N, C-alpha and C. Protein backbone atom coordinates (compact mmCIF):
# COMPACT_ATOMS: atom_id res chain seq x y z
N MET A 1 -122.14 92.33 148.44
CA MET A 1 -122.09 90.20 148.78
C MET A 1 -123.49 90.27 148.16
N GLU A 2 -124.67 91.01 147.80
CA GLU A 2 -125.36 90.77 146.53
C GLU A 2 -125.11 90.76 145.66
N ASP A 3 -123.61 92.08 145.04
CA ASP A 3 -123.20 92.25 143.79
C ASP A 3 -122.29 90.63 143.39
N ASP A 4 -121.51 89.77 144.78
CA ASP A 4 -121.32 89.01 144.13
C ASP A 4 -121.83 87.82 143.46
N VAL A 5 -123.45 88.09 144.30
CA VAL A 5 -124.43 86.76 144.00
C VAL A 5 -124.97 86.63 142.79
N GLU A 6 -125.23 87.86 142.53
CA GLU A 6 -125.46 88.58 141.00
C GLU A 6 -124.73 87.84 139.96
N MET A 7 -122.95 88.32 140.12
CA MET A 7 -122.35 88.27 139.05
C MET A 7 -122.08 86.44 139.05
N ALA A 8 -122.14 85.45 139.81
CA ALA A 8 -122.32 84.57 139.51
C ALA A 8 -123.40 83.28 139.16
N ALA A 9 -124.22 83.79 139.68
CA ALA A 9 -125.85 83.56 139.01
C ALA A 9 -125.28 83.99 137.47
N GLY A 10 -124.99 85.22 136.84
CA GLY A 10 -124.46 85.50 135.61
C GLY A 10 -123.82 84.91 134.57
N GLU A 11 -122.09 84.52 135.40
CA GLU A 11 -121.40 83.45 135.10
C GLU A 11 -121.97 82.03 134.43
N ASN A 12 -122.88 81.64 135.58
CA ASN A 12 -123.75 79.86 135.32
C ASN A 12 -124.60 80.45 134.26
N GLY A 13 -125.90 81.17 134.15
CA GLY A 13 -126.51 81.16 132.91
C GLY A 13 -125.91 81.58 131.45
N ALA A 14 -124.15 82.37 131.62
CA ALA A 14 -123.43 82.90 130.47
C ALA A 14 -123.44 80.71 130.47
N GLY A 15 -122.43 80.15 131.37
CA GLY A 15 -121.73 78.50 130.91
C GLY A 15 -123.24 77.84 130.46
N GLU A 16 -124.89 77.69 131.10
CA GLU A 16 -125.34 76.63 130.51
C GLU A 16 -125.93 77.17 128.83
N LEU A 17 -125.88 78.67 128.92
CA LEU A 17 -125.78 78.96 127.47
C LEU A 17 -124.97 78.43 126.40
N ASP A 18 -123.64 78.69 126.88
CA ASP A 18 -122.66 77.98 125.89
C ASP A 18 -122.67 76.74 125.61
N ASP A 19 -122.97 75.71 126.79
CA ASP A 19 -123.17 74.47 126.54
C ASP A 19 -124.64 73.96 126.15
N MET A 20 -125.26 75.17 125.95
CA MET A 20 -127.12 74.12 125.06
C MET A 20 -126.68 74.40 123.46
N LYS A 21 -125.65 75.71 123.30
CA LYS A 21 -125.06 76.42 122.05
C LYS A 21 -124.06 74.91 121.44
N LYS A 22 -123.47 74.23 122.21
CA LYS A 22 -122.52 73.76 121.96
C LYS A 22 -123.62 72.31 121.40
N ARG A 23 -124.55 71.51 122.09
CA ARG A 23 -125.28 70.75 122.24
C ARG A 23 -125.67 71.31 120.72
N LEU A 24 -126.55 72.15 120.74
CA LEU A 24 -127.38 71.94 119.30
C LEU A 24 -125.92 72.06 118.17
N LYS A 25 -125.33 72.89 117.99
CA LYS A 25 -124.12 72.28 117.18
C LYS A 25 -123.84 71.10 116.81
N GLU A 26 -123.93 69.86 117.85
CA GLU A 26 -123.12 68.75 117.48
C GLU A 26 -124.62 67.58 116.91
N MET A 27 -125.69 68.09 117.23
CA MET A 27 -127.29 67.80 116.86
C MET A 27 -126.89 68.09 115.20
N GLU A 28 -126.67 69.86 114.81
CA GLU A 28 -127.15 70.12 113.22
C GLU A 28 -125.91 68.94 112.54
N ASP A 29 -124.94 68.80 113.30
CA ASP A 29 -123.75 68.11 112.48
C ASP A 29 -123.83 66.89 111.90
N GLU A 30 -124.86 65.99 113.53
CA GLU A 30 -125.35 64.75 113.28
C GLU A 30 -126.05 64.82 111.98
N ALA A 31 -127.49 65.80 111.77
CA ALA A 31 -128.48 65.28 111.10
C ALA A 31 -127.74 65.56 109.71
N VAL A 32 -127.05 66.63 109.43
CA VAL A 32 -126.06 66.93 108.33
C VAL A 32 -125.37 65.59 108.39
N ALA A 33 -124.73 65.00 108.98
CA ALA A 33 -124.05 63.44 108.45
C ALA A 33 -125.41 62.07 108.45
N LEU A 34 -126.58 62.33 108.63
CA LEU A 34 -127.10 61.34 108.47
C LEU A 34 -128.09 61.77 107.22
N ARG A 35 -128.00 62.40 106.87
CA ARG A 35 -128.51 63.26 105.61
C ARG A 35 -127.67 62.54 104.27
N GLU A 36 -126.45 63.04 104.63
CA GLU A 36 -125.44 62.55 103.76
C GLU A 36 -125.11 61.00 103.81
N MET A 37 -125.21 60.27 104.91
CA MET A 37 -125.80 58.88 104.26
C MET A 37 -126.64 58.03 103.78
N GLN A 38 -127.44 58.47 104.14
CA GLN A 38 -128.92 58.38 103.12
C GLN A 38 -128.74 58.39 101.94
N ALA A 39 -128.27 59.82 102.16
CA ALA A 39 -128.55 60.02 99.80
C ALA A 39 -127.61 59.36 99.55
N LYS A 40 -126.42 58.98 100.16
CA LYS A 40 -125.12 57.52 99.68
C LYS A 40 -125.82 56.16 99.44
N VAL A 41 -127.06 55.90 100.55
CA VAL A 41 -127.64 54.39 100.43
C VAL A 41 -128.39 54.89 99.23
N GLU A 42 -129.20 55.87 98.94
CA GLU A 42 -130.38 55.96 98.21
C GLU A 42 -129.63 55.46 97.08
N LYS A 43 -128.36 55.83 96.89
CA LYS A 43 -127.44 56.29 95.55
C LYS A 43 -127.32 54.89 94.81
N GLU A 44 -126.93 53.95 96.18
CA GLU A 44 -126.32 52.97 95.67
C GLU A 44 -127.40 51.64 95.56
N MET A 45 -128.08 51.57 96.01
CA MET A 45 -129.15 51.15 95.53
C MET A 45 -130.31 51.32 94.74
N GLY A 46 -130.22 52.88 94.40
CA GLY A 46 -130.78 52.98 93.12
C GLY A 46 -132.29 53.66 93.54
N SER A 47 -132.39 54.62 92.68
CA SER A 47 -133.42 55.18 93.08
C SER A 47 -135.13 54.50 92.51
N VAL A 48 -134.65 54.16 91.38
CA VAL A 48 -136.19 52.96 90.91
C VAL A 48 -136.94 51.98 92.19
N GLN A 49 -135.56 51.25 92.72
CA GLN A 49 -135.69 50.29 93.64
C GLN A 49 -136.61 50.33 94.49
N GLY A 50 -137.88 50.38 94.96
CA GLY A 50 -138.26 50.34 96.08
C GLY A 50 -139.63 51.43 95.76
N LEU A 51 -139.64 51.67 94.48
CA LEU A 51 -140.59 52.62 94.26
C LEU A 51 -142.04 52.21 94.33
N PRO A 52 -143.42 52.83 93.92
CA PRO A 52 -144.38 51.69 93.39
C PRO A 52 -144.26 52.28 91.74
N LEU A 53 -145.28 51.38 90.80
CA LEU A 53 -144.87 51.19 90.23
C LEU A 53 -145.35 52.29 88.86
N PHE A 54 -146.54 53.07 89.17
CA PHE A 54 -146.58 54.53 89.11
C PHE A 54 -145.92 55.60 89.08
N LEU A 55 -144.84 55.49 89.98
CA LEU A 55 -144.13 56.39 90.19
C LEU A 55 -142.59 56.75 89.14
N CYS A 56 -142.61 55.43 88.65
CA CYS A 56 -141.53 55.02 88.29
C CYS A 56 -141.15 55.93 86.58
N ALA A 57 -139.76 56.17 86.57
CA ALA A 57 -140.13 56.87 85.13
C ALA A 57 -139.62 55.75 84.26
N ASP A 58 -139.56 54.29 84.24
CA ASP A 58 -139.18 53.31 83.23
C ASP A 58 -140.41 52.26 83.60
N PRO A 59 -141.44 51.95 83.61
CA PRO A 59 -141.86 50.67 84.13
C PRO A 59 -140.97 49.24 83.68
N ALA A 60 -140.70 49.27 82.84
CA ALA A 60 -139.89 48.08 82.47
C ALA A 60 -138.73 47.36 82.53
N ALA A 61 -138.02 48.69 83.08
CA ALA A 61 -136.93 48.28 84.02
C ALA A 61 -136.93 48.13 85.21
N ASN A 62 -137.98 48.70 86.00
CA ASN A 62 -138.22 47.89 87.37
C ASN A 62 -138.96 46.88 87.35
N GLN A 63 -139.69 46.42 86.52
CA GLN A 63 -140.21 44.66 86.21
C GLN A 63 -138.22 44.11 86.04
N ALA A 64 -137.40 44.13 85.11
CA ALA A 64 -136.79 43.16 84.82
C ALA A 64 -135.83 43.34 85.98
N ASN A 65 -136.24 44.54 87.02
CA ASN A 65 -135.28 44.64 88.03
C ASN A 65 -136.05 43.54 89.40
N LYS A 66 -137.15 43.48 89.29
CA LYS A 66 -138.14 42.72 90.11
C LYS A 66 -137.94 41.25 89.77
N GLU A 67 -137.83 40.82 88.15
CA GLU A 67 -137.63 39.28 87.46
C GLU A 67 -136.26 39.17 88.21
N GLU A 68 -135.12 39.86 88.41
CA GLU A 68 -134.34 39.39 88.57
C GLU A 68 -134.13 39.55 90.56
N VAL A 69 -134.68 40.44 90.86
CA VAL A 69 -134.23 40.26 92.97
C VAL A 69 -135.23 38.23 92.45
N ASP A 70 -136.89 37.84 92.01
CA ASP A 70 -137.00 37.05 91.85
C ASP A 70 -136.90 36.13 91.71
N SER A 71 -135.40 36.00 90.88
CA SER A 71 -134.84 34.87 90.21
C SER A 71 -133.84 33.92 91.29
N ARG A 72 -133.27 35.42 91.99
CA ARG A 72 -132.58 35.00 92.98
C ARG A 72 -133.25 34.78 94.68
N SER A 73 -134.60 34.09 94.70
CA SER A 73 -135.28 34.11 95.79
C SER A 73 -136.07 32.86 95.96
N VAL A 74 -136.34 32.17 96.99
CA VAL A 74 -137.80 31.09 97.11
C VAL A 74 -139.01 31.82 97.91
N PHE A 75 -140.44 30.69 98.29
CA PHE A 75 -140.77 30.80 98.50
C PHE A 75 -140.85 29.64 99.75
N VAL A 76 -140.97 30.39 101.43
CA VAL A 76 -140.98 28.89 102.19
C VAL A 76 -142.75 29.31 102.82
N GLY A 77 -143.50 27.99 102.76
CA GLY A 77 -144.39 27.98 103.39
C GLY A 77 -144.50 26.78 104.22
N ASN A 78 -145.33 27.08 105.11
CA ASN A 78 -145.97 25.94 106.46
C ASN A 78 -144.55 26.39 107.54
N VAL A 79 -144.34 27.62 107.43
CA VAL A 79 -143.19 28.57 108.27
C VAL A 79 -144.46 28.48 109.97
N ASP A 80 -143.37 28.37 110.87
CA ASP A 80 -144.04 28.54 112.48
C ASP A 80 -144.21 29.35 112.74
N TYR A 81 -144.99 30.13 113.42
CA TYR A 81 -145.50 31.13 113.78
C TYR A 81 -144.68 32.41 114.76
N SER A 82 -144.15 31.16 115.55
CA SER A 82 -143.12 31.72 116.67
C SER A 82 -141.61 31.80 116.08
N CYS A 83 -141.25 31.59 114.27
CA CYS A 83 -140.16 31.28 113.74
C CYS A 83 -139.64 33.25 114.04
N THR A 84 -137.90 33.12 113.56
CA THR A 84 -138.15 34.80 113.91
C THR A 84 -137.31 34.72 112.60
N PRO A 85 -136.46 35.70 111.58
CA PRO A 85 -135.98 36.13 110.58
C PRO A 85 -134.67 35.26 110.71
N GLU A 86 -134.53 35.51 111.61
CA GLU A 86 -133.11 35.36 111.86
C GLU A 86 -132.63 33.62 111.64
N GLU A 87 -133.62 32.73 112.51
CA GLU A 87 -134.03 31.68 112.79
C GLU A 87 -133.96 30.75 111.00
N VAL A 88 -135.24 31.56 110.04
CA VAL A 88 -135.18 31.47 109.09
C VAL A 88 -133.70 31.00 108.17
N GLN A 89 -132.88 32.30 108.14
CA GLN A 89 -131.47 32.76 107.32
C GLN A 89 -130.92 31.58 107.56
N GLN A 90 -130.55 31.54 109.43
CA GLN A 90 -129.51 30.46 109.66
C GLN A 90 -129.77 29.22 108.91
N HIS A 91 -131.44 28.70 109.20
CA HIS A 91 -131.88 27.09 108.00
C HIS A 91 -130.93 27.56 106.84
N PHE A 92 -131.44 28.36 105.82
CA PHE A 92 -131.08 28.44 104.79
C PHE A 92 -129.23 28.79 104.31
N GLN A 93 -128.91 28.91 105.43
CA GLN A 93 -127.43 29.48 104.88
C GLN A 93 -126.53 28.93 104.49
N ALA A 94 -126.17 27.50 104.87
CA ALA A 94 -125.82 26.76 103.80
C ALA A 94 -125.90 26.72 102.68
N CYS A 95 -127.21 26.88 101.79
CA CYS A 95 -127.18 27.18 100.28
C CYS A 95 -126.76 28.20 100.41
N GLY A 96 -126.45 29.40 100.78
CA GLY A 96 -125.69 30.54 99.76
C GLY A 96 -126.22 31.87 100.61
N THR A 97 -125.47 33.15 100.28
CA THR A 97 -125.61 33.65 101.31
C THR A 97 -126.76 34.54 101.18
N VAL A 98 -127.89 34.75 102.84
CA VAL A 98 -128.94 35.15 102.32
C VAL A 98 -129.26 36.80 102.32
N ASN A 99 -129.54 37.35 101.53
CA ASN A 99 -129.62 39.06 101.65
C ASN A 99 -130.32 39.15 102.10
N ARG A 100 -132.45 38.76 102.47
CA ARG A 100 -133.03 38.99 102.94
C ARG A 100 -133.88 38.15 103.09
N VAL A 101 -134.61 37.81 104.31
CA VAL A 101 -135.51 37.40 104.96
C VAL A 101 -136.91 38.25 104.80
N THR A 102 -138.07 37.84 104.16
CA THR A 102 -139.14 38.34 104.59
C THR A 102 -140.41 37.41 105.42
N ILE A 103 -140.79 38.04 106.10
CA ILE A 103 -141.32 37.13 106.60
C ILE A 103 -143.13 37.99 106.76
N ARG A 104 -144.14 37.21 105.97
CA ARG A 104 -145.37 38.07 105.77
C ARG A 104 -146.31 38.13 106.88
N THR A 105 -146.71 39.56 107.27
CA THR A 105 -147.56 39.56 108.33
C THR A 105 -148.83 39.94 107.96
N ASN A 106 -149.88 39.89 108.92
CA ASN A 106 -151.43 40.54 108.21
C ASN A 106 -151.17 41.70 108.90
N LYS A 107 -152.67 42.71 108.81
CA LYS A 107 -152.45 43.65 109.32
C LYS A 107 -152.96 43.94 110.50
N PHE A 108 -152.80 42.79 111.55
CA PHE A 108 -152.39 43.41 113.07
C PHE A 108 -150.97 42.64 113.50
N GLY A 109 -150.15 42.51 112.74
CA GLY A 109 -148.50 41.74 112.41
C GLY A 109 -148.38 40.62 112.95
N GLN A 110 -149.18 39.55 113.04
CA GLN A 110 -149.48 38.04 113.30
C GLN A 110 -148.75 37.30 112.08
N PRO A 111 -148.21 36.87 112.06
CA PRO A 111 -147.10 35.87 110.74
C PRO A 111 -148.11 34.92 110.24
N LYS A 112 -148.37 35.35 109.22
CA LYS A 112 -149.13 34.38 107.95
C LYS A 112 -149.02 33.04 108.07
N GLY A 113 -147.70 33.20 108.39
CA GLY A 113 -147.27 31.33 107.87
C GLY A 113 -146.32 30.58 106.74
N TYR A 114 -145.80 31.94 106.04
CA TYR A 114 -144.80 31.97 105.00
C TYR A 114 -143.50 32.61 104.60
N ALA A 115 -142.88 32.62 104.50
CA ALA A 115 -141.33 33.88 104.03
C ALA A 115 -141.68 33.50 102.73
N TYR A 116 -140.65 34.71 102.84
CA TYR A 116 -139.40 35.11 101.53
C TYR A 116 -138.17 34.91 101.18
N VAL A 117 -137.21 33.78 101.03
CA VAL A 117 -135.68 34.19 101.38
C VAL A 117 -135.11 34.50 99.68
N GLU A 118 -134.85 35.63 100.17
CA GLU A 118 -134.31 36.31 98.88
C GLU A 118 -132.20 36.34 99.26
N PHE A 119 -131.18 35.27 98.36
CA PHE A 119 -130.50 34.80 98.12
C PHE A 119 -129.27 36.17 97.26
N VAL A 120 -128.40 36.42 97.48
CA VAL A 120 -127.15 37.04 96.54
C VAL A 120 -127.10 36.30 95.36
N GLU A 121 -126.88 35.13 95.66
CA GLU A 121 -126.20 34.18 94.13
C GLU A 121 -127.68 33.68 93.79
N PRO A 122 -127.67 33.38 92.06
CA PRO A 122 -128.74 32.86 91.74
C PRO A 122 -128.68 31.54 92.10
N GLU A 123 -127.31 31.00 92.03
CA GLU A 123 -127.21 29.40 91.94
C GLU A 123 -127.81 28.60 93.34
N ALA A 124 -127.69 29.88 94.35
CA ALA A 124 -127.95 29.21 95.81
C ALA A 124 -129.86 29.05 95.88
N VAL A 125 -130.58 29.38 94.95
CA VAL A 125 -131.61 28.64 94.63
C VAL A 125 -132.15 27.37 94.20
N GLN A 126 -130.83 26.71 93.41
CA GLN A 126 -131.41 25.11 93.33
C GLN A 126 -131.16 24.65 95.05
N GLU A 127 -129.60 25.16 95.88
CA GLU A 127 -129.78 24.45 96.53
C GLU A 127 -130.85 24.34 97.78
N ALA A 128 -131.21 26.19 97.52
CA ALA A 128 -132.39 26.43 98.66
C ALA A 128 -133.12 25.10 98.62
N LEU A 129 -133.21 25.11 97.15
CA LEU A 129 -135.00 23.96 97.05
C LEU A 129 -134.68 22.11 96.98
N LEU A 130 -133.12 21.99 97.85
CA LEU A 130 -133.19 21.11 98.17
C LEU A 130 -133.60 20.49 99.92
N LEU A 131 -133.99 21.65 100.45
CA LEU A 131 -134.39 21.95 101.29
C LEU A 131 -135.79 21.72 101.78
N ASN A 132 -136.43 21.28 101.18
CA ASN A 132 -137.86 21.17 100.60
C ASN A 132 -138.46 19.65 101.27
N GLU A 133 -139.14 20.49 102.42
CA GLU A 133 -139.95 19.08 103.53
C GLU A 133 -139.03 18.96 104.66
N SER A 134 -137.47 19.78 104.78
CA SER A 134 -136.68 20.06 105.55
C SER A 134 -138.12 20.48 106.95
N GLU A 135 -137.00 20.43 108.13
CA GLU A 135 -138.29 20.72 109.42
C GLU A 135 -137.29 21.83 109.80
N LEU A 136 -138.58 22.47 110.55
CA LEU A 136 -137.80 23.75 111.26
C LEU A 136 -138.87 23.99 112.24
N HIS A 137 -138.67 24.02 113.35
CA HIS A 137 -139.71 24.14 114.57
C HIS A 137 -140.37 22.94 114.92
N GLY A 138 -140.16 21.59 114.21
CA GLY A 138 -141.19 20.70 113.58
C GLY A 138 -141.97 20.59 113.35
N ARG A 139 -142.12 21.35 111.87
CA ARG A 139 -143.08 21.71 110.69
C ARG A 139 -141.94 21.45 110.00
N GLN A 140 -142.71 20.40 108.79
CA GLN A 140 -142.84 20.26 107.39
C GLN A 140 -142.53 21.11 106.35
N LEU A 141 -141.63 22.29 106.11
CA LEU A 141 -141.10 23.49 105.26
C LEU A 141 -141.67 23.39 103.81
N LYS A 142 -142.78 24.30 102.88
CA LYS A 142 -142.67 23.90 101.58
C LYS A 142 -142.06 25.05 100.84
N VAL A 143 -140.70 24.71 100.15
CA VAL A 143 -140.01 25.29 99.58
C VAL A 143 -140.26 25.55 98.00
N SER A 144 -140.14 26.46 97.27
CA SER A 144 -140.28 26.19 95.55
C SER A 144 -139.58 27.89 95.66
N ALA A 145 -139.60 28.02 94.38
CA ALA A 145 -139.19 28.92 93.55
C ALA A 145 -139.77 29.79 93.28
N LYS A 146 -139.67 31.50 93.76
CA LYS A 146 -140.68 32.54 93.73
C LYS A 146 -140.83 32.88 92.81
N ARG A 147 -142.53 33.25 92.62
CA ARG A 147 -142.60 33.00 91.05
C ARG A 147 -143.09 34.85 90.56
N THR A 148 -142.60 35.42 89.65
CA THR A 148 -143.15 36.72 89.23
C THR A 148 -144.11 36.84 88.90
N ASN A 149 -144.97 38.56 89.73
CA ASN A 149 -146.46 38.35 89.55
C ASN A 149 -145.92 39.41 88.75
N VAL A 150 -147.01 39.50 87.59
CA VAL A 150 -147.58 40.25 86.52
C VAL A 150 -148.31 41.54 86.51
N PRO A 151 -148.00 42.63 86.72
CA PRO A 151 -148.79 43.67 87.12
C PRO A 151 -149.96 43.78 86.35
N GLY A 152 -151.65 44.02 86.76
CA GLY A 152 -152.37 44.08 85.90
C GLY A 152 -152.76 42.00 85.40
N MET A 153 -152.34 41.35 85.93
CA MET A 153 -152.86 40.10 85.71
C MET A 153 -153.16 39.15 87.44
N LYS A 154 -154.27 39.40 87.64
CA LYS A 154 -155.00 38.63 89.04
C LYS A 154 -155.62 37.28 88.21
N PRO A 155 -155.28 36.26 88.60
CA PRO A 155 -155.97 34.97 88.69
C PRO A 155 -157.61 35.16 89.14
N TYR A 156 -158.25 34.31 88.09
CA TYR A 156 -159.62 34.56 88.50
C TYR A 156 -160.18 33.75 89.38
N HIS A 157 -160.58 33.98 90.31
CA HIS A 157 -161.10 33.53 91.49
C HIS A 157 -162.63 33.45 91.49
N ALA A 158 -164.01 32.52 92.04
CA ALA A 158 -164.95 32.21 91.42
C ALA A 158 -165.56 32.76 92.87
N ARG A 159 -166.73 33.19 92.60
CA ARG A 159 -167.13 33.89 93.90
C ARG A 159 -168.18 33.36 94.52
N ARG A 160 -167.61 33.09 96.06
CA ARG A 160 -168.24 32.10 96.66
C ARG A 160 -169.59 32.30 97.01
N PRO A 161 -170.82 31.98 97.15
CA PRO A 161 -171.99 32.76 97.39
C PRO A 161 -171.76 32.52 99.14
N ASN A 162 -172.61 34.09 99.10
CA ASN A 162 -172.81 34.00 100.52
C ASN A 162 -174.08 33.26 101.67
N PRO A 163 -174.35 32.63 102.13
CA PRO A 163 -175.36 31.82 102.94
C PRO A 163 -176.44 32.58 103.21
N TYR A 164 -175.69 34.41 103.89
CA TYR A 164 -176.80 34.89 104.25
C TYR A 164 -177.46 35.97 102.86
N MET A 165 -177.31 35.79 101.86
CA MET A 165 -177.41 36.74 100.81
C MET A 165 -178.53 36.04 99.76
N GLY A 166 -178.33 34.87 100.02
CA GLY A 166 -179.58 33.60 99.21
C GLY A 166 -177.53 33.37 98.05
N PHE A 167 -178.40 32.28 97.22
CA PHE A 167 -177.62 31.77 96.02
C PHE A 167 -178.28 32.86 94.52
N ARG A 168 -177.10 33.01 93.76
CA ARG A 168 -177.26 33.98 92.63
C ARG A 168 -176.16 33.05 91.45
N GLY A 169 -177.19 32.53 91.02
CA GLY A 169 -176.10 32.01 90.13
C GLY A 169 -175.82 32.69 88.55
N ARG A 170 -174.82 32.22 87.94
CA ARG A 170 -174.90 32.80 86.55
C ARG A 170 -175.61 32.37 85.45
N THR A 171 -176.24 31.06 86.14
CA THR A 171 -176.54 30.82 84.71
C THR A 171 -177.87 31.78 83.91
N PRO A 172 -178.66 31.83 82.92
CA PRO A 172 -179.74 32.54 83.20
C PRO A 172 -180.88 31.89 83.38
N PHE A 173 -181.87 32.74 83.70
CA PHE A 173 -183.13 31.95 84.26
C PHE A 173 -183.72 30.87 82.91
N MET A 174 -184.34 29.73 83.12
CA MET A 174 -184.92 28.90 82.61
C MET A 174 -186.13 28.38 83.69
N PRO A 175 -187.51 28.79 82.96
CA PRO A 175 -188.89 28.07 83.80
C PRO A 175 -188.72 27.18 84.12
N ALA A 176 -189.46 26.54 84.85
CA ALA A 176 -189.40 25.29 85.23
C ALA A 176 -190.40 24.14 84.12
N PRO A 177 -190.50 22.91 84.10
CA PRO A 177 -191.80 22.21 82.89
C PRO A 177 -192.84 22.89 83.56
N TYR A 178 -193.57 23.05 82.73
CA TYR A 178 -195.33 22.83 83.55
C TYR A 178 -195.69 21.88 83.62
N PHE A 179 -196.18 21.57 84.99
CA PHE A 179 -196.90 20.63 86.26
C PHE A 179 -198.20 20.10 85.84
N PHE A 180 -198.36 19.23 85.22
CA PHE A 180 -199.68 18.88 84.97
C PHE A 180 -200.39 17.63 86.65
N PRO A 181 -201.15 18.69 86.91
CA PRO A 181 -201.81 17.21 88.43
C PRO A 181 -201.99 16.04 87.83
N PRO A 182 -201.54 15.05 89.34
CA PRO A 182 -201.78 13.26 88.84
C PRO A 182 -203.08 12.91 88.21
N PHE A 183 -204.20 13.42 88.68
CA PHE A 183 -205.59 13.38 88.92
C PHE A 183 -206.49 14.00 88.17
N GLY A 184 -206.03 13.98 86.58
CA GLY A 184 -207.25 14.58 85.73
C GLY A 184 -206.90 15.87 85.82
N TYR A 185 -206.82 17.02 84.07
CA TYR A 185 -206.60 17.92 83.80
C TYR A 185 -207.55 18.96 84.03
N GLY A 186 -207.18 20.23 84.15
CA GLY A 186 -208.23 21.41 84.79
C GLY A 186 -208.94 21.00 85.96
N LYS A 187 -208.56 19.75 86.60
CA LYS A 187 -209.69 19.83 88.20
C LYS A 187 -209.46 20.95 88.88
N ILE A 188 -210.13 21.81 89.38
CA ILE A 188 -209.55 22.55 90.28
C ILE A 188 -210.35 22.27 91.92
N PRO A 189 -209.07 22.24 92.48
CA PRO A 189 -209.37 21.66 93.86
C PRO A 189 -210.92 22.68 95.04
N ARG A 190 -211.56 21.69 95.46
CA ARG A 190 -212.78 22.75 96.29
C ARG A 190 -212.09 23.44 97.32
N ALA A 191 -213.09 24.80 97.19
CA ALA A 191 -212.20 25.26 98.44
C ALA A 191 -212.53 25.45 99.93
N ARG A 192 -211.87 24.95 100.73
CA ARG A 192 -212.00 24.96 102.07
C ARG A 192 -212.60 25.97 102.82
N ALA A 193 -213.74 26.10 103.49
CA ALA A 193 -214.36 26.92 104.59
C ALA A 193 -213.34 26.85 105.61
N PRO A 194 -213.52 28.33 106.21
CA PRO A 194 -212.27 28.52 107.04
C PRO A 194 -212.95 28.17 108.17
N MET A 195 -212.03 27.57 109.27
CA MET A 195 -212.53 26.95 110.34
C MET A 195 -212.90 27.85 111.01
N ARG A 196 -213.68 27.66 112.14
CA ARG A 196 -213.98 28.41 113.26
C ARG A 196 -213.66 27.93 114.47
N TYR A 197 -213.10 29.46 115.32
CA TYR A 197 -212.25 28.51 116.34
C TYR A 197 -213.29 29.10 117.49
N SER A 198 -213.90 28.02 119.18
CA SER A 198 -214.86 28.35 118.96
C SER A 198 -214.20 28.80 120.31
N PRO A 199 -214.57 29.54 121.40
CA PRO A 199 -213.79 29.65 122.61
C PRO A 199 -214.48 28.66 124.27
N TYR A 200 -214.85 27.68 123.72
CA TYR A 200 -215.42 26.42 124.17
C TYR A 200 -215.16 25.11 124.22
N PHE A 201 -214.18 25.13 123.08
CA PHE A 201 -213.11 23.77 122.70
C PHE A 201 -212.05 24.16 123.24
C-alpha cells in the first residue's frame, strides 16, 4: 500500500515537472519572437531616429530628418487639460492622416495645455492651419506650423530681478551728483545732546 502511494506521488511530481518545462519552453519562444519583432521595428524606423544628437553618427542627417518631421507637424495651443490624444486626433482627422499626437506634460504628469500633431502628408499642415481658433472642449485652439529648434540656438531671455535678493542692474555704477545743502555752504549742524531717560517721567 505504501509503495502505491510513493509511486503515485512520483508520477505526479514527474507530470508537474513536465508541465513546468513546457511552460518554460513557451516563455523562451515568446521572448525570442519579441526580440525579433523589436529588431524588425527598429530596422524599419531607422536606428538614427530617436537617439540623442550626440549619439548619432551623422548629426546633419538627424537634423534633416527632424526638419522633415517638423514640416509635417503643427503646434496646437490652448488645449484643455482634460483633452486626450484621441480627441485631438479626431479633431484634426479631416485635415489628413494623423501619424502621432503628443500632449506635453510637466514632471508631475499634468498636461501643459499644448500639443503637437504630426501628419503623414505635408499637405495636411495647410488644412490644419485652417482650424485655427476652432473650438475643442469649449476652448479656442491656437494652431500654427511647428518650428524646428536649432541646437545651440536658445533665445535670450532677460533675467527677472528676484524680489528677495535685491535688484542688481547690469548698468555700470554711477555715483550720484554731490548735493549742496540749501542753507549755506559748509555749515555743519550742531550735534544734539543725547536724551536722558528718567524713571520719573
